[in-house]
Protein backbone atom coordinates (compact mmCIF):
# COMPACT_ATOMS: atom_id res chain seq x y z
CA UNK A 1 -0.05 -0.17 -0.06
CA UNK A 2 1.17 3.94 -0.98
CA UNK A 3 0.87 6.16 1.11
CA UNK A 4 -2.02 8.93 0.25
CA UNK A 5 -0.46 12.92 -0.70
CA UNK A 6 -2.30 15.43 -1.33
CA UNK A 7 -1.15 18.89 -2.45
CA UNK A 8 -2.14 22.10 -1.82
CA UNK A 9 -1.08 25.82 -2.19
CA UNK A 10 1.30 25.95 0.47
CA UNK A 11 3.07 22.33 -0.15
CA UNK A 12 0.94 18.97 0.76
CA UNK A 13 -0.32 16.57 3.40
CA UNK A 14 -0.51 12.90 4.66
CA UNK A 15 -1.91 11.22 6.96
CA UNK A 16 0.24 9.65 10.16
CA UNK A 17 -0.56 6.71 12.79
CA UNK A 18 0.97 7.40 15.80
CA UNK A 19 2.18 4.47 18.18
CA UNK A 20 3.41 5.77 21.70
CA UNK A 21 5.43 4.70 24.38
CA UNK A 22 7.70 2.20 21.88
CA UNK A 23 11.22 1.73 22.71
CA UNK A 24 12.39 4.16 19.56
CA UNK A 25 11.23 6.84 17.66
CA UNK A 26 10.99 5.56 14.15
CA UNK A 27 9.01 5.58 10.76
CA UNK A 28 7.89 1.99 10.39
CA UNK A 29 6.72 2.27 6.87
CA UNK A 30 3.02 2.69 6.00
CA UNK A 31 0.10 0.84 7.24
CA UNK A 32 -3.30 1.34 5.31
CA UNK A 33 -2.40 4.44 3.37
CA UNK A 34 -1.00 6.50 6.42
CA UNK A 35 2.85 6.63 7.43
CA UNK A 36 3.03 4.41 10.63
CA UNK A 37 5.67 6.46 13.28
CA UNK A 38 6.48 4.70 16.14
CA UNK A 39 7.77 7.31 19.36
CA UNK A 40 8.86 6.53 22.77
CA UNK A 41 6.53 9.80 24.19
CA UNK A 42 3.52 9.14 25.78
CA UNK A 43 0.17 10.78 24.35
CA UNK A 44 0.17 13.43 27.16
CA UNK A 45 0.03 17.19 27.17
CA UNK A 46 1.05 16.92 23.24
CA UNK A 47 4.34 15.35 23.93
CA UNK A 48 3.78 12.43 21.40
CA UNK A 49 2.91 15.23 19.15
CA UNK A 50 6.26 17.63 19.61
CA UNK A 51 8.28 14.22 19.36
CA UNK A 52 5.99 13.44 16.25
CA UNK A 53 6.91 16.73 14.24
CA UNK A 54 10.66 16.55 15.20
CA UNK A 55 11.03 13.34 14.40
CA UNK A 56 9.45 14.10 10.57
CA UNK A 57 11.31 17.33 10.07
CA UNK A 58 14.56 15.78 11.10
CA UNK A 59 13.70 12.79 8.58
CA UNK A 60 12.53 15.38 6.08
CA UNK A 61 15.54 17.63 6.13
CA UNK A 62 13.43 20.71 7.37
CA UNK A 63 12.70 22.52 10.31
CA UNK A 64 9.96 20.80 12.49
CA UNK A 65 8.47 24.15 12.30
CA UNK A 66 7.57 23.66 8.83
CA UNK A 67 5.35 20.93 9.87
CA UNK A 68 2.13 21.11 11.72
CA UNK A 69 -0.61 18.97 12.60
CA UNK A 70 -3.81 19.87 10.61
CA UNK A 71 -6.40 17.26 11.71
CA UNK A 72 -6.44 14.50 14.56
CA UNK A 73 -4.02 16.12 17.06
CA UNK A 74 -5.71 14.01 20.07
CA UNK A 75 -5.98 11.06 17.73
CA UNK A 76 -3.39 8.42 17.07
CA UNK A 77 -4.40 9.14 13.42
CA UNK A 78 -3.16 12.80 12.48
CA UNK A 79 -2.74 14.43 9.00
CA UNK A 80 0.29 16.67 8.62
CA UNK A 81 0.86 19.41 6.77
CA UNK A 82 4.17 19.89 4.90
CA UNK A 83 4.96 23.59 4.19
CA UNK A 84 7.37 24.52 1.13
CA UNK A 85 8.18 20.91 -0.11
CA UNK A 86 6.52 18.82 -3.63
CA UNK A 87 5.85 15.73 -3.47
CA UNK A 88 8.64 14.20 -5.27
CA UNK A 89 11.52 15.62 -2.86
CA UNK A 90 8.66 14.11 0.03
CA UNK A 91 8.79 11.09 -1.45
CA UNK A 92 12.79 10.95 -1.92
CA UNK A 93 13.52 11.68 1.47
CA UNK A 94 10.69 9.05 3.16
CA UNK A 95 12.38 6.16 0.83
CA UNK A 96 15.23 4.94 2.68
CA UNK A 97 11.83 4.79 5.88
CA UNK A 98 9.94 2.48 3.79
CA UNK A 99 11.53 -0.08 2.70
């Protein structure tokens, strides 16, 4: 299954499924069209959301401030906005993590 990406005026959005309280922070492939992200942080007081944006920013080679959660901030299933990146560059940066 491939990752569903939607383009918009600012960049792109994609779905993420969070698995909190794991042994390490990592991108664990694609599950049901969403990027699966495992985080050591608990889902308390936005800790997992911050860790998710930090991990994705590092993976994509951009500041976490260029990423935002546009829906699902209190859910395991989120939609992330990436500002200033096109789909080709996005897929290229994620390629090593999706094998």
